[in-house]
Amino acid sequence: MQPPPVPSDEQQEQEEIFRLRAQKLKDREKILADEKEKLEREKSTLIRELKRSQDQLRSKFNNFPFLNQRYLLLQLLGKGGFSEVWNAFDLQELREVACKIHELNPQWSEEKKSNYMKHATREYEIQKKLSHPRIVRLIDVFEVSKDGFCTVLEHCDGGDLEQTLKERKTLPEREARSIIMQVFVGLKYLNERRENE
C-alpha cells in the first residue's frame, strides 16, 4: 500500500486560506447572532414599555389622583387580571411606595366578590404581621370605591426578576446563588412564623 500523496505547497496555502476564511465567517456569524439577540431583548423591552404605557392611558387612574389624601400616583408599573400596581409618592412619609389597586368586576356575583375579598383580607392580615428585609412590607390598606381597594406596599428598586431573566437569559452563578439565597431566607422566615402560630 502506498502512502497518500503529500499536498503541494500551493495546496497547503489554499487550505490555510480556506480555514482562515471559514473562521472569519464563524466569527462574523457569532457577532451577528449576538447582535440579533441584543435587538430581540431591546424589542421585548420596548413592547413591554409600550403595553405598560397603553395600560396606563386606559386606566381609570390615568389622571394621577391622590389616593386616601396621601398617595400621589406617578406611573403604572404593571397590570394583572384584577389589579394595577402604581409607583406612587407618600406625601406623609415623603417616600416612594407601590400602590396595588384591586378592582372587583362589577358583573361578578356577590358570592364571587365576597370570596375575593375574603382572600384579599386574609392576605392582608398575614402580610401586615410580617417584618423581614426579604419580604415586601405592607404599609396601608384602604377602599378606593365600592368595588375596589388599595394595598400600599414598600417600593422595591431594581426591576423584576422575570424581566431580568427574559432579558439576560442566564445569570452568572454568583448572582443566581445570591437571589436564591435571599428567596430561601424569606421563605424560611415565613415557615418559622407559621410553625410558631
C-alpha atoms as a PDB file:
ATOM      1  CA  MET A   1       0.000   0.000   0.000  1.00  0.00           C
ATOM      2  CA  GLN A   2       1.296   3.391  -0.976  1.00  0.00           C
ATOM      3  CA  PRO A   3       1.325   6.401   1.385  1.00  0.00           C
ATOM      4  CA  PRO A   4      -1.094   9.231   0.483  1.00  0.00           C
ATOM      5  CA  PRO A   5       0.415  11.916  -1.698  1.00  0.00           C
ATOM      6  CA  VAL A   6       1.841  14.912   0.142  1.00  0.00           C
ATOM      7  CA  PRO A   7      -0.076  18.110  -0.721  1.00  0.00           C
ATOM      8  CA  SER A   8       1.912  20.680  -2.591  1.00  0.00           C
ATOM      9  CA  ASP A   9       2.860  23.997  -1.018  1.00  0.00           C
ATOM     10  CA  GLU A  10       0.204  25.670  -3.129  1.00  0.00           C
ATOM     11  CA  GLN A  11      -2.487  23.265  -1.881  1.00  0.00           C
ATOM     12  CA  GLN A  12      -1.417  23.794   1.720  1.00  0.00           C
ATOM     13  CA  GLU A  13      -1.533  27.530   1.222  1.00  0.00           C
ATOM     14  CA  GLN A  14      -5.083  27.312  -0.263  1.00  0.00           C
ATOM     15  CA  GLU A  15      -6.268  25.077   2.618  1.00  0.00           C
ATOM     16  CA  GLU A  16      -4.899  27.565   5.137  1.00  0.00           C
ATOM     17  CA  ILE A  17      -6.664  30.444   3.337  1.00  0.00           C
ATOM     18  CA  PHE A  18      -9.944  28.492   3.336  1.00  0.00           C
ATOM     19  CA  ARG A  19      -9.596  27.676   7.055  1.00  0.00           C
ATOM     20  CA  LEU A  20      -8.951  31.350   7.817  1.00  0.00           C
ATOM     21  CA  ARG A  21     -11.969  32.441   5.744  1.00  0.00           C
ATOM     22  CA  ALA A  22     -14.152  29.807   7.432  1.00  0.00           C
ATOM     23  CA  GLN A  23     -13.037  31.040  10.856  1.00  0.00           C
ATOM     24  CA  LYS A  24     -13.765  34.648   9.887  1.00  0.00           C
ATOM     25  CA  LEU A  25     -17.248  33.618   8.710  1.00  0.00           C
ATOM     26  CA  LYS A  26     -17.878  31.794  12.011  1.00  0.00           C
ATOM     27  CA  ASP A  27     -16.692  34.840  13.955  1.00  0.00           C
ATOM     28  CA  ARG A  28     -18.963  37.092  11.887  1.00  0.00           C
ATOM     29  CA  GLU A  29     -21.880  34.692  12.374  1.00  0.00           C
ATOM     30  CA  LYS A  30     -21.330  34.804  16.163  1.00  0.00           C
ATOM     31  CA  ILE A  31     -21.239  38.633  16.124  1.00  0.00           C
ATOM     32  CA  LEU A  32     -24.481  38.726  14.104  1.00  0.00           C
ATOM     33  CA  ALA A  33     -26.156  36.175  16.414  1.00  0.00           C
ATOM     34  CA  ASP A  34     -25.161  38.244  19.466  1.00  0.00           C
ATOM     35  CA  GLU A  35     -26.440  41.423  17.803  1.00  0.00           C
ATOM     36  CA  LYS A  36     -29.721  39.690  16.882  1.00  0.00           C
ATOM     37  CA  GLU A  37     -30.167  38.514  20.490  1.00  0.00           C
ATOM     38  CA  LYS A  38     -29.471  42.043  21.780  1.00  0.00           C
ATOM     39  CA  LEU A  39     -32.009  43.522  19.332  1.00  0.00           C
ATOM     40  CA  GLU A  40     -34.599  40.890  20.365  1.00  0.00           C
ATOM     41  CA  ARG A  41     -34.121  41.856  24.031  1.00  0.00           C
ATOM     42  CA  GLU A  42     -34.482  45.553  23.176  1.00  0.00           C
ATOM     43  CA  LYS A  43     -37.594  44.778  21.131  1.00  0.00           C
ATOM     44  CA  SER A  44     -39.083  42.848  24.046  1.00  0.00           C
ATOM     45  CA  THR A  45     -38.334  45.726  26.426  1.00  0.00           C
ATOM     46  CA  LEU A  46     -39.899  48.261  24.045  1.00  0.00           C
ATOM     47  CA  ILE A  47     -43.015  46.109  23.564  1.00  0.00           C
ATOM     48  CA  ARG A  48     -43.359  45.745  27.323  1.00  0.00           C
ATOM     49  CA  GLU A  49     -42.972  49.508  27.828  1.00  0.00           C
ATOM     50  CA  LEU A  50     -45.494  50.220  25.044  1.00  0.00           C
ATOM     51  CA  LYS A  51     -48.004  47.844  26.659  1.00  0.00           C
ATOM     52  CA  ARG A  52     -47.420  49.451  30.063  1.00  0.00           C
ATOM     53  CA  SER A  53     -47.908  52.901  28.552  1.00  0.00           C
ATOM     54  CA  GLN A  54     -51.137  51.839  26.796  1.00  0.00           C
ATOM     55  CA  ASP A  55     -52.415  50.230  30.014  1.00  0.00           C
ATOM     56  CA  GLN A  56     -51.671  53.472  31.857  1.00  0.00           C
ATOM     57  CA  LEU A  57     -53.636  55.506  29.273  1.00  0.00           C
ATOM     58  CA  ARG A  58     -56.613  53.106  29.587  1.00  0.00           C
ATOM     59  CA  SER A  59     -56.538  53.072  33.400  1.00  0.00           C
ATOM     60  CA  LYS A  60     -59.289  54.886  35.240  1.00  0.00           C
ATOM     61  CA  PHE A  61     -56.494  56.286  37.427  1.00  0.00           C
ATOM     62  CA  ASN A  62     -54.619  57.853  34.481  1.00  0.00           C
ATOM     63  CA  ASN A  63     -55.296  61.369  35.781  1.00  0.00           C
ATOM     64  CA  PHE A  64     -52.812  60.603  38.623  1.00  0.00           C
ATOM     65  CA  PRO A  65     -55.127  61.212  41.558  1.00  0.00           C
ATOM     66  CA  PHE A  66     -54.248  61.400  45.240  1.00  0.00           C
ATOM     67  CA  LEU A  67     -55.407  58.246  46.957  1.00  0.00           C
ATOM     68  CA  ASN A  68     -56.572  58.375  50.551  1.00  0.00           C
ATOM     69  CA  GLN A  69     -55.449  62.048  50.586  1.00  0.00           C
ATOM     70  CA  ARG A  70     -51.909  60.776  50.974  1.00  0.00           C
ATOM     71  CA  TYR A  71     -50.577  58.851  47.963  1.00  0.00           C
ATOM     72  CA  LEU A  72     -49.867  60.557  44.634  1.00  0.00           C
ATOM     73  CA  LEU A  73     -49.855  58.100  41.734  1.00  0.00           C
ATOM     74  CA  LEU A  74     -46.856  58.643  39.459  1.00  0.00           C
ATOM     75  CA  GLN A  75     -46.617  55.826  36.920  1.00  0.00           C
ATOM     76  CA  LEU A  76     -48.248  52.479  36.237  1.00  0.00           C
ATOM     77  CA  LEU A  77     -45.732  49.704  36.876  1.00  0.00           C
ATOM     78  CA  GLY A  78     -47.861  46.770  35.784  1.00  0.00           C
ATOM     79  CA  LYS A  79     -51.336  45.387  35.319  1.00  0.00           C
ATOM     80  CA  GLY A  80     -52.734  41.984  36.179  1.00  0.00           C
ATOM     81  CA  GLY A  81     -56.132  40.376  35.900  1.00  0.00           C
ATOM     82  CA  PHE A  82     -57.883  42.404  38.594  1.00  0.00           C
ATOM     83  CA  SER A  83     -55.254  44.835  39.774  1.00  0.00           C
ATOM     84  CA  GLU A  84     -52.871  47.590  38.771  1.00  0.00           C
ATOM     85  CA  VAL A  85     -49.611  48.408  40.508  1.00  0.00           C
ATOM     86  CA  TRP A  86     -48.577  52.054  40.524  1.00  0.00           C
ATOM     87  CA  ASN A  87     -45.386  53.743  41.584  1.00  0.00           C
ATOM     88  CA  ALA A  88     -46.593  56.430  43.993  1.00  0.00           C
ATOM     89  CA  PHE A  89     -45.299  59.019  46.409  1.00  0.00           C
ATOM     90  CA  ASP A  90     -46.343  59.010  50.059  1.00  0.00           C
ATOM     91  CA  LEU A  91     -46.837  62.679  50.959  1.00  0.00           C
ATOM     92  CA  GLN A  92     -46.851  61.949  54.700  1.00  0.00           C
ATOM     93  CA  GLU A  93     -43.676  59.885  54.891  1.00  0.00           C
ATOM     94  CA  LEU A  94     -42.010  61.556  51.847  1.00  0.00           C
ATOM     95  CA  ARG A  95     -41.008  58.304  50.158  1.00  0.00           C
ATOM     96  CA  GLU A  96     -41.842  56.203  47.124  1.00  0.00           C
ATOM     97  CA  VAL A  97     -44.325  53.383  47.599  1.00  0.00           C
ATOM     98  CA  ALA A  98     -46.151  50.886  45.413  1.00  0.00           C
ATOM     99  CA  CYS A  99     -49.949  51.167  45.335  1.00  0.00           C
ATOM    100  CA  LYS A 100     -51.689  47.978  44.254  1.00  0.00           C
ATOM    101  CA  ILE A 101     -55.247  48.853  43.284  1.00  0.00           C
ATOM    102  CA  HIS A 102     -57.607  45.866  43.313  1.00  0.00           C
ATOM    103  CA  GLU A 103     -60.765  46.303  41.258  1.00  0.00           C
ATOM    104  CA  LEU A 104     -63.567  43.791  41.573  1.00  0.00           C
ATOM    105  CA  ASN A 105     -65.548  43.148  38.429  1.00  0.00           C
ATOM    106  CA  PRO A 106     -68.993  44.742  38.972  1.00  0.00           C
ATOM    107  CA  GLN A 107     -70.525  41.889  36.972  1.00  0.00           C
ATOM    108  CA  TRP A 108     -69.309  39.273  39.464  1.00  0.00           C
ATOM    109  CA  SER A 109     -71.858  37.637  41.691  1.00  0.00           C
ATOM    110  CA  GLU A 110     -71.932  38.754  45.313  1.00  0.00           C
ATOM    111  CA  GLU A 111     -70.549  35.347  46.276  1.00  0.00           C
ATOM    112  CA  LYS A 112     -67.537  35.726  43.986  1.00  0.00           C
ATOM    113  CA  LYS A 113     -66.895  39.259  45.259  1.00  0.00           C
ATOM    114  CA  SER A 114     -67.165  38.004  48.824  1.00  0.00           C
ATOM    115  CA  ASN A 115     -64.688  35.169  48.166  1.00  0.00           C
ATOM    116  CA  TYR A 116     -62.217  37.551  46.549  1.00  0.00           C
ATOM    117  CA  MET A 117     -62.494  39.958  49.485  1.00  0.00           C
ATOM    118  CA  LYS A 118     -62.026  37.090  51.981  1.00  0.00           C
ATOM    119  CA  HIS A 119     -58.879  36.010  50.144  1.00  0.00           C
ATOM    120  CA  ALA A 120     -57.540  39.575  49.941  1.00  0.00           C
ATOM    121  CA  THR A 121     -58.352  40.256  53.613  1.00  0.00           C
ATOM    122  CA  ARG A 122     -56.624  37.042  54.657  1.00  0.00           C
ATOM    123  CA  GLU A 123     -53.564  38.010  52.590  1.00  0.00           C
ATOM    124  CA  TYR A 124     -53.600  41.478  54.171  1.00  0.00           C
ATOM    125  CA  GLU A 125     -53.932  40.064  57.721  1.00  0.00           C
ATOM    126  CA  ILE A 126     -50.936  37.780  57.129  1.00  0.00           C
ATOM    127  CA  GLN A 127     -48.780  40.388  55.418  1.00  0.00           C
ATOM    128  CA  LYS A 128     -49.341  43.176  57.965  1.00  0.00           C
ATOM    129  CA  LYS A 129     -47.730  40.960  60.650  1.00  0.00           C
ATOM    130  CA  LEU A 130     -44.582  40.341  58.617  1.00  0.00           C
ATOM    131  CA  SER A 131     -41.363  42.209  59.201  1.00  0.00           C
ATOM    132  CA  HIS A 132     -38.348  40.894  57.329  1.00  0.00           C
ATOM    133  CA  PRO A 133     -35.806  42.514  54.963  1.00  0.00           C
ATOM    134  CA  ARG A 134     -36.535  39.909  52.238  1.00  0.00           C
ATOM    135  CA  ILE A 135     -40.318  40.378  52.274  1.00  0.00           C
ATOM    136  CA  VAL A 136     -42.074  43.450  50.900  1.00  0.00           C
ATOM    137  CA  ARG A 137     -43.677  45.342  53.776  1.00  0.00           C
ATOM    138  CA  LEU A 138     -47.364  46.207  53.747  1.00  0.00           C
ATOM    139  CA  ILE A 139     -47.859  49.852  54.727  1.00  0.00           C
ATOM    140  CA  ASP A 140     -51.557  50.628  54.335  1.00  0.00           C
ATOM    141  CA  VAL A 141     -54.914  49.352  53.036  1.00  0.00           C
ATOM    142  CA  PHE A 142     -57.965  51.442  52.166  1.00  0.00           C
ATOM    143  CA  GLU A 143     -61.073  51.485  49.982  1.00  0.00           C
ATOM    144  CA  VAL A 144     -60.966  53.351  46.657  1.00  0.00           C
ATOM    145  CA  SER A 145     -64.532  52.615  45.505  1.00  0.00           C
ATOM    146  CA  LYS A 146     -67.416  50.303  46.297  1.00  0.00           C
ATOM    147  CA  ASP A 147     -65.745  47.692  44.092  1.00  0.00           C
ATOM    148  CA  GLY A 148     -62.102  48.457  44.800  1.00  0.00           C
ATOM    149  CA  PHE A 149     -59.429  48.816  47.429  1.00  0.00           C
ATOM    150  CA  CYS A 150     -55.743  49.641  47.536  1.00  0.00           C
ATOM    151  CA  THR A 151     -52.848  47.992  49.308  1.00  0.00           C
ATOM    152  CA  VAL A 152     -49.798  50.197  49.764  1.00  0.00           C
ATOM    153  CA  LEU A 153     -46.507  48.340  49.776  1.00  0.00           C
ATOM    154  CA  GLU A 154     -42.878  49.172  50.276  1.00  0.00           C
ATOM    155  CA  HIS A 155     -41.333  50.295  46.969  1.00  0.00           C
ATOM    156  CA  CYS A 156     -38.597  47.970  45.709  1.00  0.00           C
ATOM    157  CA  ASP A 157     -35.969  49.218  43.282  1.00  0.00           C
ATOM    158  CA  GLY A 158     -34.177  47.067  40.760  1.00  0.00           C
ATOM    159  CA  GLY A 159     -36.876  45.842  38.401  1.00  0.00           C
ATOM    160  CA  ASP A 160     -38.425  42.418  38.493  1.00  0.00           C
ATOM    161  CA  LEU A 161     -36.680  39.060  38.273  1.00  0.00           C
ATOM    162  CA  GLU A 162     -38.903  37.761  35.471  1.00  0.00           C
ATOM    163  CA  GLN A 163     -37.935  40.608  33.155  1.00  0.00           C
ATOM    164  CA  THR A 164     -34.267  40.322  34.104  1.00  0.00           C
ATOM    165  CA  LEU A 165     -34.291  36.631  33.191  1.00  0.00           C
ATOM    166  CA  LYS A 166     -36.070  37.338  29.908  1.00  0.00           C
ATOM    167  CA  GLU A 167     -33.512  39.980  29.001  1.00  0.00           C
ATOM    168  CA  ARG A 168     -30.377  38.195  30.120  1.00  0.00           C
ATOM    169  CA  LYS A 169     -31.324  34.516  29.540  1.00  0.00           C
ATOM    170  CA  THR A 170     -28.728  33.327  32.058  1.00  0.00           C
ATOM    171  CA  LEU A 171     -27.233  34.824  35.177  1.00  0.00           C
ATOM    172  CA  PRO A 172     -23.714  34.347  36.473  1.00  0.00           C
ATOM    173  CA  GLU A 173     -23.610  31.643  39.142  1.00  0.00           C
ATOM    174  CA  ARG A 174     -22.739  34.051  41.958  1.00  0.00           C
ATOM    175  CA  GLU A 175     -25.678  36.351  41.124  1.00  0.00           C
ATOM    176  CA  ALA A 176     -28.125  33.432  40.766  1.00  0.00           C
ATOM    177  CA  ARG A 177     -26.939  31.969  44.078  1.00  0.00           C
ATOM    178  CA  SER A 178     -27.423  35.330  45.813  1.00  0.00           C
ATOM    179  CA  ILE A 179     -31.003  35.635  44.508  1.00  0.00           C
ATOM    180  CA  ILE A 180     -31.876  32.070  45.502  1.00  0.00           C
ATOM    181  CA  MET A 181     -30.389  32.555  48.966  1.00  0.00           C
ATOM    182  CA  GLN A 182     -32.467  35.704  49.505  1.00  0.00           C
ATOM    183  CA  VAL A 183     -35.644  33.898  48.417  1.00  0.00           C
ATOM    184  CA  PHE A 184     -34.920  30.971  50.734  1.00  0.00           C
ATOM    185  CA  VAL A 185     -34.190  33.291  53.682  1.00  0.00           C
ATOM    186  CA  GLY A 186     -37.614  34.900  53.179  1.00  0.00           C
ATOM    187  CA  LEU A 187     -39.310  31.511  52.820  1.00  0.00           C
ATOM    188  CA  LYS A 188     -37.561  30.243  55.949  1.00  0.00           C
ATOM    189  CA  TYR A 189     -38.849  33.245  57.897  1.00  0.00           C
ATOM    190  CA  LEU A 190     -42.408  32.607  56.668  1.00  0.00           C
ATOM    191  CA  ASN A 191     -42.199  28.910  57.502  1.00  0.00           C
ATOM    192  CA  GLU A 192     -40.883  29.605  61.012  1.00  0.00           C
ATOM    193  CA  ARG A 193     -43.709  32.088  61.608  1.00  0.00           C
ATOM    194  CA  ARG A 194     -46.271  29.518  60.503  1.00  0.00           C
ATOM    195  CA  GLU A 195     -44.817  26.889  62.849  1.00  0.00           C
ATOM    196  CA  ASN A 196     -44.925  29.326  65.782  1.00  0.00           C
ATOM    197  CA  GLU A 197     -48.569  30.305  65.248  1.00  0.00           C
END
